[in-house]
Amino acid sequence: MSLTREQPPRATSRASGWPVRHTPRWVLLAGAALLVIAIAVALVHKPTQGERASDLRGVLQDLTADIGSCAGGVGESLTALHQVQAQGGRNATDVRLGISLAQQGAANCAPVNNELIDDLENYQIPESLYSFRLIPVVPALVTWAAPDAERVETDVARLLSATTPQAKSQAQAALTHALAVLDVQRSKVYGPLDKAIKALGLHSSPPTLPG
């Protein structure tokens, strides 16, 4: 009779590897609490008068720099026109110069030709100044340049180029209307900025917008 030997039970194999450490729950709770506190502080923080004044100075500087080349061209072309008209249009050199200035100025007020005007279209007013309702000022300033200032300078060039009384009369009427539109648009820029400047007690001015 043969004896059978019972096989010893096999040990169950276990997967080997590094032990996984779990982040303690109190660390997660503490992190969440800090995040909530940070958000709450950001929401309740109100900029000081000095901070808002500094932000407004920056806005005025930026707007003045971006609109400067266009606005300068408007002033130059209108000055040239007035000089020609004061001389009775007898100086051909001044007439040609005025036409050239007006044509160049009109092109320089177009966003496609002027990177500063193009940048102005994407300019963001700081949140600290939202209570002054300055957000519409930026699109109003862009509109002042294009198409309003463009149209003024185009009409200046037409008026200087006119050779008959009828053509001069029509060009003058068009320019008068364009200047009136430019005045209305300027008020949309100056109104909110003037109120903010006065409220914050700044010794500053809005961008110079001739016309």
Protein backbone atom coordinates (compact mmCIF):
# COMPACT_ATOMS: atom_id res chain seq x y z
CA MET A 1 0.00 0.00 0.00
CA SER A 2 1.51 3.25 -1.11
CA LEU A 3 1.37 6.29 1.01
CA THR A 4 0.48 9.62 -0.52
CA ARG A 5 2.04 12.73 0.90
CA GLU A 6 -0.20 15.67 1.22
CA GLN A 7 1.15 18.79 -0.39
CA PRO A 8 1.47 21.73 1.98
CA PRO A 9 -0.88 24.56 1.21
CA ARG A 10 0.55 27.15 -1.15
CA ALA A 11 0.96 30.63 0.09
CA THR A 12 -1.25 33.13 -1.63
CA SER A 13 0.83 35.44 -3.82
CA ARG A 14 0.57 39.13 -3.09
CA ALA A 15 1.33 41.96 -5.43
CA SER A 16 4.47 43.73 -4.46
CA GLY A 17 5.07 47.46 -4.78
CA TRP A 18 5.60 50.68 -2.92
CA PRO A 19 3.01 51.52 -0.30
CA VAL A 20 0.54 54.21 -1.42
CA ARG A 21 0.38 57.20 0.86
CA HIS A 22 -2.90 59.00 1.05
CA THR A 23 -3.02 62.72 1.73
CA PRO A 24 -4.40 63.28 5.21
CA ARG A 25 -7.93 64.56 5.18
CA TRP A 26 -7.06 67.53 7.36
CA VAL A 27 -4.59 68.76 4.71
CA LEU A 28 -7.28 68.72 2.03
CA LEU A 29 -9.71 70.54 4.29
CA ALA A 30 -7.11 73.15 5.19
CA GLY A 31 -6.30 73.75 1.50
CA ALA A 32 -9.96 74.17 0.64
CA ALA A 33 -10.42 76.61 3.51
CA LEU A 34 -7.47 78.71 2.37
CA LEU A 35 -8.86 78.82 -1.17
CA VAL A 36 -12.24 80.00 0.08
CA ILE A 37 -10.57 82.70 2.18
CA ALA A 38 -8.48 83.91 -0.77
CA ILE A 39 -11.55 84.19 -3.01
CA ALA A 40 -13.49 86.01 -0.31
CA VAL A 41 -10.68 88.51 0.22
CA ALA A 42 -10.47 89.17 -3.53
CA LEU A 43 -14.21 89.76 -3.70
CA VAL A 44 -14.45 92.13 -0.77
CA HIS A 45 -11.29 94.13 -1.51
CA LYS A 46 -12.11 97.61 -2.61
CA PRO A 47 -9.41 99.72 -4.30
CA THR A 48 -8.39 102.81 -2.41
CA GLN A 49 -8.83 106.31 -3.79
CA GLY A 50 -5.12 106.43 -4.47
CA GLU A 51 -5.18 103.14 -6.37
CA ARG A 52 -8.06 104.30 -8.54
CA ALA A 53 -6.35 107.63 -9.18
CA SER A 54 -3.21 105.81 -10.28
CA ASP A 55 -5.23 103.54 -12.57
CA LEU A 56 -6.99 106.53 -14.14
CA ARG A 57 -3.67 108.27 -14.80
CA GLY A 58 -2.54 105.14 -16.59
CA VAL A 59 -5.72 105.04 -18.67
CA LEU A 60 -5.37 108.70 -19.68
CA GLN A 61 -1.75 108.16 -20.68
CA ASP A 62 -2.60 105.07 -22.72
CA LEU A 63 -5.55 106.66 -24.52
CA THR A 64 -3.57 109.82 -25.26
CA ALA A 65 -0.68 107.82 -26.70
CA ASP A 66 -2.92 105.61 -28.86
CA ILE A 67 -5.03 108.41 -30.33
CA GLY A 68 -2.21 110.96 -30.56
CA SER A 69 -1.08 110.44 -34.14
CA CYS A 70 -4.65 110.50 -35.50
CA ALA A 71 -5.67 113.51 -33.42
CA GLY A 72 -2.51 115.35 -34.36
CA GLY A 73 -3.27 114.88 -38.04
CA VAL A 74 -6.76 116.31 -37.60
CA GLY A 75 -5.34 119.41 -35.95
CA GLU A 76 -2.70 119.90 -38.64
CA SER A 77 -5.11 119.54 -41.55
CA LEU A 78 -7.65 121.94 -40.03
CA THR A 79 -4.89 124.47 -39.32
CA ALA A 80 -3.72 124.18 -42.92
CA LEU A 81 -7.28 124.68 -44.18
CA HIS A 82 -7.79 127.81 -42.10
CA GLN A 83 -4.49 129.21 -43.33
CA VAL A 84 -5.43 128.65 -46.96
CA GLN A 85 -8.86 130.20 -46.41
CA ALA A 86 -7.30 133.22 -44.69
CA GLN A 87 -5.14 133.74 -47.77
CA GLY A 88 -8.12 133.39 -50.08
CA GLY A 89 -6.70 130.20 -51.56
CA ARG A 90 -4.11 132.12 -53.54
CA ASN A 91 -1.05 130.23 -52.33
CA ALA A 92 -0.88 127.05 -54.41
CA THR A 93 1.91 125.61 -52.29
CA ASP A 94 -0.14 125.88 -49.11
CA VAL A 95 -3.12 124.35 -50.90
CA ARG A 96 -1.09 121.33 -52.00
CA LEU A 97 0.38 120.97 -48.51
CA GLY A 98 -3.06 121.10 -46.93
CA ILE A 99 -4.39 118.44 -49.28
CA SER A 100 -1.42 116.20 -48.54
CA LEU A 101 -1.78 116.63 -44.77
CA ALA A 102 -5.50 115.87 -44.91
CA GLN A 103 -5.05 112.76 -47.05
CA GLN A 104 -2.25 111.44 -44.86
CA GLY A 105 -4.23 112.25 -41.73
CA ALA A 106 -7.30 110.39 -42.97
CA ALA A 107 -5.21 107.31 -43.69
CA ASN A 108 -3.54 107.54 -40.29
CA CYS A 109 -6.87 107.44 -38.45
CA ALA A 110 -7.81 104.12 -40.02
CA PRO A 111 -7.10 101.08 -37.78
CA VAL A 112 -5.82 99.15 -40.78
CA ASN A 113 -3.04 101.72 -41.22
CA ASN A 114 -2.39 102.62 -37.60
CA GLU A 115 -1.40 99.92 -35.09
CA LEU A 116 -2.10 102.25 -32.17
CA ILE A 117 -5.74 102.66 -33.22
CA ASP A 118 -5.92 98.92 -33.80
CA ASP A 119 -4.57 98.29 -30.29
CA LEU A 120 -7.06 100.78 -28.88
CA GLU A 121 -9.93 98.58 -30.05
CA ASN A 122 -8.82 95.90 -27.56
CA TYR A 123 -7.97 98.20 -24.66
CA GLN A 124 -9.40 97.15 -21.29
CA ILE A 125 -10.44 99.61 -18.58
CA PRO A 126 -9.22 98.49 -15.10
CA GLU A 127 -11.89 97.01 -12.84
CA SER A 128 -11.14 99.62 -10.18
CA LEU A 129 -12.67 102.24 -12.48
CA TYR A 130 -15.84 100.38 -13.42
CA SER A 131 -17.99 102.53 -11.12
CA PHE A 132 -17.17 105.55 -13.33
CA ARG A 133 -18.68 103.79 -16.36
CA LEU A 134 -15.60 104.30 -18.49
CA ILE A 135 -15.92 101.13 -20.57
CA PRO A 136 -17.90 102.90 -23.38
CA VAL A 137 -15.16 105.54 -23.63
CA VAL A 138 -12.83 103.24 -25.56
CA PRO A 139 -15.22 102.36 -28.43
CA ALA A 140 -16.32 106.02 -28.49
CA LEU A 141 -12.70 107.10 -28.95
CA VAL A 142 -12.19 104.53 -31.70
CA THR A 143 -15.30 105.84 -33.46
CA TRP A 144 -14.01 109.40 -33.08
CA ALA A 145 -10.99 108.30 -35.10
CA ALA A 146 -12.69 105.97 -37.57
CA PRO A 147 -14.84 106.89 -39.30
CA ASP A 148 -15.49 110.38 -37.88
CA ALA A 149 -12.02 111.94 -38.00
CA GLU A 150 -11.33 110.13 -41.27
CA ARG A 151 -14.40 111.76 -42.78
CA VAL A 152 -13.40 115.23 -41.54
CA GLU A 153 -9.98 114.99 -43.10
CA THR A 154 -11.35 113.59 -46.33
CA ASP A 155 -13.74 116.54 -46.53
CA VAL A 156 -10.86 118.96 -45.85
CA ALA A 157 -8.99 117.48 -48.80
CA ARG A 158 -12.11 117.75 -50.98
CA LEU A 159 -12.65 121.36 -50.00
CA LEU A 160 -9.05 122.31 -50.75
CA SER A 161 -9.22 120.45 -54.06
CA ALA A 162 -12.49 122.09 -55.17
CA THR A 163 -12.10 124.48 -58.10
CA THR A 164 -15.66 125.73 -58.68
CA PRO A 165 -17.96 127.68 -56.35
CA GLN A 166 -20.51 124.85 -56.39
CA ALA A 167 -17.92 122.19 -55.54
CA LYS A 168 -16.53 124.36 -52.75
CA SER A 169 -20.00 124.94 -51.33
CA GLN A 170 -20.82 121.24 -51.31
CA ALA A 171 -17.47 120.34 -49.77
CA GLN A 172 -17.87 123.01 -47.09
CA ALA A 173 -21.35 121.75 -46.20
CA ALA A 174 -20.06 118.20 -45.92
CA LEU A 175 -17.16 119.33 -43.72
CA THR A 176 -19.46 121.35 -41.45
CA HIS A 177 -21.65 118.28 -40.94
CA ALA A 178 -18.63 116.02 -40.33
CA LEU A 179 -17.26 118.43 -37.72
CA ALA A 180 -20.62 118.46 -35.93
CA VAL A 181 -20.57 114.65 -35.77
CA LEU A 182 -17.01 114.80 -34.47
CA ASP A 183 -18.09 117.20 -31.70
CA VAL A 184 -20.86 114.85 -30.57
CA GLN A 185 -18.48 111.91 -30.50
CA ARG A 186 -15.90 113.92 -28.56
CA SER A 187 -18.47 114.59 -25.84
CA LYS A 188 -18.97 110.83 -25.43
CA VAL A 189 -15.27 110.55 -24.63
CA TYR A 190 -14.83 113.68 -22.55
CA GLY A 191 -18.03 113.36 -20.47
CA PRO A 192 -17.20 110.18 -18.50
CA LEU A 193 -13.48 110.96 -18.30
CA ASP A 194 -14.06 114.48 -16.97
CA LYS A 195 -16.36 113.13 -14.25
CA ALA A 196 -13.82 110.51 -13.19
CA ILE A 197 -10.98 113.04 -13.19
CA LYS A 198 -13.01 115.43 -11.03
CA ALA A 199 -14.15 112.69 -8.65
CA LEU A 200 -10.58 111.52 -8.05
CA GLY A 201 -9.16 115.04 -7.83
CA LEU A 202 -6.61 114.59 -10.60
CA HIS A 203 -4.81 117.43 -12.31
CA SER A 204 -5.06 115.66 -15.66
CA SER A 205 -6.97 116.03 -18.91
CA PRO A 206 -8.55 113.68 -21.44
CA PRO A 207 -6.76 113.14 -24.77
CA THR A 208 -6.70 116.24 -26.97
CA LEU A 209 -9.26 115.73 -29.74
CA PRO A 210 -9.21 118.64 -32.23
CA GLY A 211 -12.16 119.66 -34.35
